[in-house]
Amino acid sequence: QVQLVESGGGLVQAGGSLRLSCAASGSFFTINVMGWYRQAPGKQRELVALITKGGSTNYADSVKGLFTVSRDNAKNTVYLQMSSLKPEDTAVYYCYAEVVRELRTYAYWGQGTQVTVSS
């Protein structure tokens, strides 16, 4: 099994910054893609940012230039540095990973961490 454990969420004022972390553990061969999705109350889960093992990134238009995704392959950890936060960034942020195990690729999700941005 694979576990994704997030940390770093919390309450921050508009304009502030937060850094989320997500560490993967368990039995697997490699992790191809890691990243973050978010879900605000009453809305669907949406992509925030993804990063491949080679370092290629993909961002939602709403966070480009404001959020930065990075990863430490040796630690199987992905980070999300969020800057200039706005109240509309308030959501539960979920870690996501595409993990290769037993010659197949599986998608895993973390339990979610709450980010609340006050105005």
N, C-alpha and C. Protein backbone atom coordinates (compact mmCIF):
# COMPACT_ATOMS: atom_id res chain seq x y z
N GLN A 1 0.83 -1.19 0.00
CA GLN A 1 0.00 0.00 0.00
C GLN A 1 0.87 1.25 0.00
N VAL A 2 0.25 2.35 -0.41
CA VAL A 2 0.95 3.63 -0.46
C VAL A 2 0.15 4.65 0.36
N GLN A 3 0.85 5.41 1.15
CA GLN A 3 0.21 6.46 1.94
C GLN A 3 0.79 7.81 1.56
N LEU A 4 -0.09 8.80 1.47
CA LEU A 4 0.32 10.19 1.23
C LEU A 4 -0.09 10.99 2.46
N VAL A 5 0.86 11.62 3.09
CA VAL A 5 0.59 12.38 4.31
C VAL A 5 0.93 13.84 4.07
N GLU A 6 -0.10 14.69 4.19
CA GLU A 6 0.07 16.12 3.95
C GLU A 6 0.30 16.86 5.26
N SER A 7 0.93 18.01 5.14
CA SER A 7 1.11 18.90 6.28
C SER A 7 1.26 20.32 5.77
N GLY A 8 1.05 21.29 6.67
CA GLY A 8 1.31 22.67 6.32
C GLY A 8 0.10 23.55 6.11
N GLY A 9 -1.08 23.00 6.16
CA GLY A 9 -2.27 23.82 5.99
C GLY A 9 -2.51 24.69 7.21
N GLY A 10 -3.49 25.59 7.10
CA GLY A 10 -3.81 26.43 8.23
C GLY A 10 -4.55 27.68 7.81
N LEU A 11 -4.58 28.63 8.73
CA LEU A 11 -5.27 29.91 8.52
C LEU A 11 -4.24 31.00 8.25
N VAL A 12 -4.50 31.77 7.22
CA VAL A 12 -3.56 32.84 6.85
C VAL A 12 -4.38 34.03 6.35
N GLN A 13 -3.84 35.22 6.52
CA GLN A 13 -4.52 36.41 6.02
C GLN A 13 -4.26 36.58 4.52
N ALA A 14 -5.18 37.24 3.87
CA ALA A 14 -5.01 37.52 2.45
C ALA A 14 -3.67 38.22 2.22
N GLY A 15 -2.99 37.78 1.16
CA GLY A 15 -1.68 38.32 0.85
C GLY A 15 -0.54 37.53 1.47
N GLY A 16 -0.87 36.63 2.37
CA GLY A 16 0.14 35.83 3.05
C GLY A 16 0.58 34.62 2.23
N SER A 17 1.43 33.83 2.87
CA SER A 17 2.00 32.65 2.21
C SER A 17 1.85 31.42 3.10
N LEU A 18 1.82 30.28 2.45
CA LEU A 18 1.83 28.99 3.13
C LEU A 18 2.60 27.99 2.28
N ARG A 19 3.17 27.00 2.94
CA ARG A 19 3.86 25.94 2.23
C ARG A 19 3.28 24.61 2.65
N LEU A 20 2.78 23.87 1.68
CA LEU A 20 2.27 22.53 1.93
C LEU A 20 3.32 21.49 1.57
N SER A 21 3.30 20.40 2.33
CA SER A 21 4.18 19.28 2.04
C SER A 21 3.37 18.00 1.99
N CYS A 22 3.85 17.05 1.20
CA CYS A 22 3.19 15.74 1.12
C CYS A 22 4.26 14.69 0.91
N ALA A 23 4.32 13.75 1.84
CA ALA A 23 5.31 12.68 1.77
C ALA A 23 4.63 11.35 1.47
N ALA A 24 5.18 10.65 0.51
CA ALA A 24 4.66 9.33 0.14
C ALA A 24 5.49 8.24 0.81
N SER A 25 4.81 7.22 1.30
CA SER A 25 5.50 6.08 1.90
C SER A 25 4.78 4.80 1.51
N GLY A 26 5.50 3.69 1.68
CA GLY A 26 4.91 2.41 1.34
C GLY A 26 5.80 1.64 0.37
N SER A 27 5.21 0.68 -0.27
CA SER A 27 5.95 -0.18 -1.18
C SER A 27 5.59 0.17 -2.63
N PHE A 28 6.58 0.68 -3.36
CA PHE A 28 6.34 1.02 -4.77
C PHE A 28 7.67 1.11 -5.49
N PHE A 29 7.60 1.13 -6.82
CA PHE A 29 8.80 1.22 -7.64
C PHE A 29 9.24 2.67 -7.82
N THR A 30 8.31 3.51 -8.25
CA THR A 30 8.62 4.92 -8.45
C THR A 30 7.33 5.72 -8.47
N ILE A 31 7.47 7.04 -8.42
CA ILE A 31 6.32 7.93 -8.51
C ILE A 31 6.52 8.83 -9.74
N ASN A 32 5.64 8.68 -10.71
CA ASN A 32 5.82 9.45 -11.93
C ASN A 32 5.37 10.90 -11.78
N VAL A 33 4.20 11.11 -11.24
CA VAL A 33 3.63 12.44 -11.12
C VAL A 33 3.20 12.67 -9.67
N MET A 34 3.48 13.85 -9.16
CA MET A 34 2.97 14.26 -7.84
C MET A 34 2.38 15.66 -7.99
N GLY A 35 1.50 15.99 -7.07
CA GLY A 35 0.97 17.34 -7.15
C GLY A 35 -0.18 17.57 -6.21
N TRP A 36 -0.96 18.59 -6.56
CA TRP A 36 -2.01 19.06 -5.66
C TRP A 36 -3.29 19.39 -6.42
N TYR A 37 -4.38 19.03 -5.80
CA TYR A 37 -5.71 19.44 -6.21
C TYR A 37 -6.35 20.14 -5.01
N ARG A 38 -7.44 20.86 -5.26
CA ARG A 38 -8.16 21.48 -4.15
C ARG A 38 -9.66 21.42 -4.40
N GLN A 39 -10.39 21.48 -3.29
CA GLN A 39 -11.85 21.46 -3.37
C GLN A 39 -12.42 22.46 -2.38
N ALA A 40 -13.08 23.46 -2.91
CA ALA A 40 -13.75 24.45 -2.08
C ALA A 40 -15.17 23.98 -1.79
N PRO A 41 -15.78 24.49 -0.72
CA PRO A 41 -17.15 24.09 -0.39
C PRO A 41 -18.11 24.31 -1.55
N GLY A 42 -18.86 23.28 -1.88
CA GLY A 42 -19.85 23.38 -2.95
C GLY A 42 -19.29 23.34 -4.35
N LYS A 43 -17.99 23.10 -4.47
CA LYS A 43 -17.38 23.08 -5.80
C LYS A 43 -16.71 21.74 -6.05
N GLN A 44 -16.41 21.48 -7.33
CA GLN A 44 -15.72 20.25 -7.67
C GLN A 44 -14.22 20.37 -7.38
N ARG A 45 -13.62 19.21 -7.19
CA ARG A 45 -12.17 19.18 -7.01
C ARG A 45 -11.50 19.66 -8.29
N GLU A 46 -10.48 20.50 -8.15
CA GLU A 46 -9.81 21.04 -9.33
C GLU A 46 -8.29 20.94 -9.20
N LEU A 47 -7.66 20.86 -10.35
CA LEU A 47 -6.21 20.83 -10.39
C LEU A 47 -5.61 22.14 -9.89
N VAL A 48 -4.56 22.02 -9.10
CA VAL A 48 -3.78 23.20 -8.71
C VAL A 48 -2.44 23.18 -9.44
N ALA A 49 -1.66 22.11 -9.22
CA ALA A 49 -0.35 22.00 -9.85
C ALA A 49 0.12 20.56 -9.81
N LEU A 50 0.84 20.16 -10.86
CA LEU A 50 1.44 18.84 -10.95
C LEU A 50 2.90 18.97 -11.34
N ILE A 51 3.70 17.99 -10.96
CA ILE A 51 5.10 17.96 -11.34
C ILE A 51 5.50 16.52 -11.63
N THR A 52 6.22 16.33 -12.74
CA THR A 52 6.67 15.00 -13.08
C THR A 52 7.98 14.68 -12.36
N LYS A 53 8.39 13.43 -12.49
CA LYS A 53 9.64 13.01 -11.86
C LYS A 53 10.81 13.78 -12.45
N GLY A 54 10.69 14.17 -13.71
CA GLY A 54 11.75 14.91 -14.37
C GLY A 54 11.70 16.41 -14.12
N GLY A 55 10.65 16.88 -13.45
CA GLY A 55 10.57 18.29 -13.09
C GLY A 55 9.67 19.13 -13.96
N SER A 56 8.98 18.55 -14.91
CA SER A 56 8.04 19.32 -15.71
C SER A 56 6.81 19.63 -14.87
N THR A 57 6.30 20.85 -15.03
CA THR A 57 5.19 21.29 -14.20
C THR A 57 3.97 21.70 -15.03
N ASN A 58 2.83 21.67 -14.37
CA ASN A 58 1.57 22.08 -14.97
C ASN A 58 0.77 22.78 -13.89
N TYR A 59 0.32 24.01 -14.18
CA TYR A 59 -0.40 24.80 -13.18
C TYR A 59 -1.79 25.19 -13.69
N ALA A 60 -2.71 25.32 -12.77
CA ALA A 60 -3.98 25.95 -13.10
C ALA A 60 -3.71 27.42 -13.41
N ASP A 61 -4.46 27.96 -14.35
CA ASP A 61 -4.26 29.36 -14.74
C ASP A 61 -4.38 30.30 -13.54
N SER A 62 -5.27 29.96 -12.61
CA SER A 62 -5.55 30.85 -11.48
C SER A 62 -4.39 30.97 -10.51
N VAL A 63 -3.43 30.05 -10.57
CA VAL A 63 -2.33 30.08 -9.61
C VAL A 63 -0.97 30.31 -10.27
N LYS A 64 -0.94 30.41 -11.58
CA LYS A 64 0.34 30.62 -12.27
C LYS A 64 0.99 31.91 -11.79
N GLY A 65 2.27 31.81 -11.47
CA GLY A 65 3.01 32.96 -10.99
C GLY A 65 2.84 33.23 -9.51
N LEU A 66 1.90 32.54 -8.87
CA LEU A 66 1.65 32.75 -7.44
C LEU A 66 2.05 31.52 -6.62
N PHE A 67 1.80 30.34 -7.16
CA PHE A 67 2.13 29.09 -6.48
C PHE A 67 3.28 28.42 -7.21
N THR A 68 4.10 27.70 -6.45
CA THR A 68 5.20 26.95 -7.03
C THR A 68 5.19 25.53 -6.48
N VAL A 69 5.17 24.57 -7.39
CA VAL A 69 5.23 23.16 -7.00
C VAL A 69 6.66 22.67 -7.20
N SER A 70 7.13 21.85 -6.26
CA SER A 70 8.46 21.27 -6.36
C SER A 70 8.43 19.90 -5.70
N ARG A 71 9.47 19.12 -5.93
CA ARG A 71 9.51 17.80 -5.31
C ARG A 71 10.94 17.40 -5.03
N ASP A 72 11.06 16.52 -4.04
CA ASP A 72 12.34 15.91 -3.69
C ASP A 72 12.17 14.42 -3.96
N ASN A 73 12.72 13.97 -5.08
CA ASN A 73 12.53 12.57 -5.46
C ASN A 73 13.15 11.60 -4.45
N ALA A 74 14.24 11.98 -3.86
CA ALA A 74 14.90 11.11 -2.88
C ALA A 74 14.02 10.90 -1.65
N LYS A 75 13.20 11.90 -1.33
CA LYS A 75 12.33 11.82 -0.15
C LYS A 75 10.89 11.49 -0.51
N ASN A 76 10.62 11.32 -1.82
CA ASN A 76 9.24 11.06 -2.27
C ASN A 76 8.27 12.08 -1.71
N THR A 77 8.68 13.32 -1.77
CA THR A 77 7.92 14.42 -1.18
C THR A 77 7.67 15.51 -2.22
N VAL A 78 6.45 16.05 -2.19
CA VAL A 78 6.09 17.16 -3.06
C VAL A 78 5.70 18.34 -2.18
N TYR A 79 6.01 19.53 -2.68
CA TYR A 79 5.74 20.76 -1.94
C TYR A 79 4.88 21.69 -2.79
N LEU A 80 4.15 22.56 -2.11
CA LEU A 80 3.42 23.61 -2.80
C LEU A 80 3.64 24.90 -2.02
N GLN A 81 4.40 25.79 -2.60
CA GLN A 81 4.62 27.10 -2.01
C GLN A 81 3.56 28.05 -2.56
N MET A 82 2.74 28.57 -1.68
CA MET A 82 1.63 29.43 -2.08
C MET A 82 1.88 30.85 -1.58
N SER A 83 1.85 31.79 -2.49
CA SER A 83 2.10 33.19 -2.15
C SER A 83 0.94 34.06 -2.61
N SER A 84 0.88 35.25 -2.03
CA SER A 84 -0.19 36.20 -2.38
C SER A 84 -1.56 35.54 -2.32
N LEU A 85 -1.80 34.83 -1.24
CA LEU A 85 -3.04 34.06 -1.12
C LEU A 85 -4.26 34.98 -1.07
N LYS A 86 -5.36 34.48 -1.64
CA LYS A 86 -6.61 35.21 -1.71
C LYS A 86 -7.70 34.39 -1.01
N PRO A 87 -8.76 35.04 -0.57
CA PRO A 87 -9.85 34.28 0.06
C PRO A 87 -10.38 33.16 -0.84
N GLU A 88 -10.35 33.37 -2.15
CA GLU A 88 -10.85 32.32 -3.05
C GLU A 88 -9.92 31.12 -3.14
N ASP A 89 -8.75 31.19 -2.53
CA ASP A 89 -7.87 30.03 -2.45
C ASP A 89 -8.26 29.11 -1.29
N THR A 90 -9.22 29.54 -0.48
CA THR A 90 -9.70 28.72 0.62
C THR A 90 -10.29 27.42 0.10
N ALA A 91 -9.76 26.30 0.60
CA ALA A 91 -10.20 24.98 0.14
C ALA A 91 -9.49 23.91 0.94
N VAL A 92 -9.93 22.68 0.74
CA VAL A 92 -9.16 21.54 1.21
C VAL A 92 -8.21 21.16 0.08
N TYR A 93 -6.95 21.09 0.39
CA TYR A 93 -5.92 20.78 -0.60
C TYR A 93 -5.53 19.31 -0.46
N TYR A 94 -5.59 18.61 -1.58
CA TYR A 94 -5.31 17.18 -1.60
C TYR A 94 -4.04 16.89 -2.37
N CYS A 95 -3.20 16.11 -1.77
CA CYS A 95 -2.00 15.61 -2.44
C CYS A 95 -2.40 14.49 -3.39
N TYR A 96 -1.70 14.41 -4.52
CA TYR A 96 -2.00 13.41 -5.55
C TYR A 96 -0.69 12.82 -6.04
N ALA A 97 -0.72 11.51 -6.28
CA ALA A 97 0.47 10.86 -6.81
C ALA A 97 0.09 9.71 -7.74
N GLU A 98 0.84 9.59 -8.83
CA GLU A 98 0.71 8.45 -9.74
C GLU A 98 1.90 7.54 -9.47
N VAL A 99 1.60 6.42 -8.85
CA VAL A 99 2.63 5.54 -8.31
C VAL A 99 2.72 4.26 -9.13
N VAL A 100 3.93 3.86 -9.46
CA VAL A 100 4.15 2.61 -10.18
C VAL A 100 4.49 1.52 -9.18
N ARG A 101 3.66 0.49 -9.16
CA ARG A 101 3.92 -0.68 -8.33
C ARG A 101 3.38 -1.89 -9.04
N GLU A 102 4.12 -2.98 -8.95
CA GLU A 102 3.73 -4.24 -9.59
C GLU A 102 3.44 -4.04 -11.08
N LEU A 103 4.28 -3.25 -11.73
CA LEU A 103 4.25 -3.00 -13.18
C LEU A 103 3.01 -2.24 -13.64
N ARG A 104 2.26 -1.66 -12.72
CA ARG A 104 1.09 -0.87 -13.08
C ARG A 104 1.16 0.48 -12.38
N THR A 105 0.42 1.44 -12.94
CA THR A 105 0.37 2.78 -12.36
C THR A 105 -0.97 2.99 -11.66
N TYR A 106 -0.89 3.46 -10.43
CA TYR A 106 -2.07 3.69 -9.61
C TYR A 106 -2.10 5.15 -9.15
N ALA A 107 -3.30 5.69 -9.04
CA ALA A 107 -3.48 7.04 -8.51
C ALA A 107 -3.82 6.97 -7.03
N TYR A 108 -3.12 7.78 -6.25
CA TYR A 108 -3.37 7.84 -4.81
C TYR A 108 -3.66 9.28 -4.39
N TRP A 109 -4.44 9.42 -3.33
CA TRP A 109 -4.80 10.72 -2.78
C TRP A 109 -4.46 10.78 -1.30
N GLY A 110 -4.07 11.96 -0.86
CA GLY A 110 -3.92 12.19 0.57
C GLY A 110 -5.26 12.46 1.20
N GLN A 111 -5.23 12.65 2.52
CA GLN A 111 -6.48 12.84 3.25
C GLN A 111 -6.97 14.27 3.17
N GLY A 112 -6.14 15.18 2.71
CA GLY A 112 -6.52 16.58 2.57
C GLY A 112 -6.08 17.42 3.74
N THR A 113 -5.72 18.66 3.44
CA THR A 113 -5.37 19.62 4.47
C THR A 113 -6.09 20.93 4.19
N GLN A 114 -6.66 21.51 5.22
CA GLN A 114 -7.47 22.71 5.06
C GLN A 114 -6.59 23.95 4.96
N VAL A 115 -6.86 24.76 3.96
CA VAL A 115 -6.23 26.08 3.83
C VAL A 115 -7.35 27.11 3.86
N THR A 116 -7.26 28.03 4.81
CA THR A 116 -8.27 29.08 4.94
C THR A 116 -7.58 30.44 4.85
N VAL A 117 -8.05 31.26 3.91
CA VAL A 117 -7.48 32.59 3.71
C VAL A 117 -8.54 33.60 4.12
N SER A 118 -8.22 34.38 5.12
CA SER A 118 -9.17 35.39 5.62
C SER A 118 -8.94 36.72 4.93
N SER A 119 -10.02 37.46 4.74
CA SER A 119 -9.91 38.76 4.05
C SER A 119 -9.65 39.89 5.03
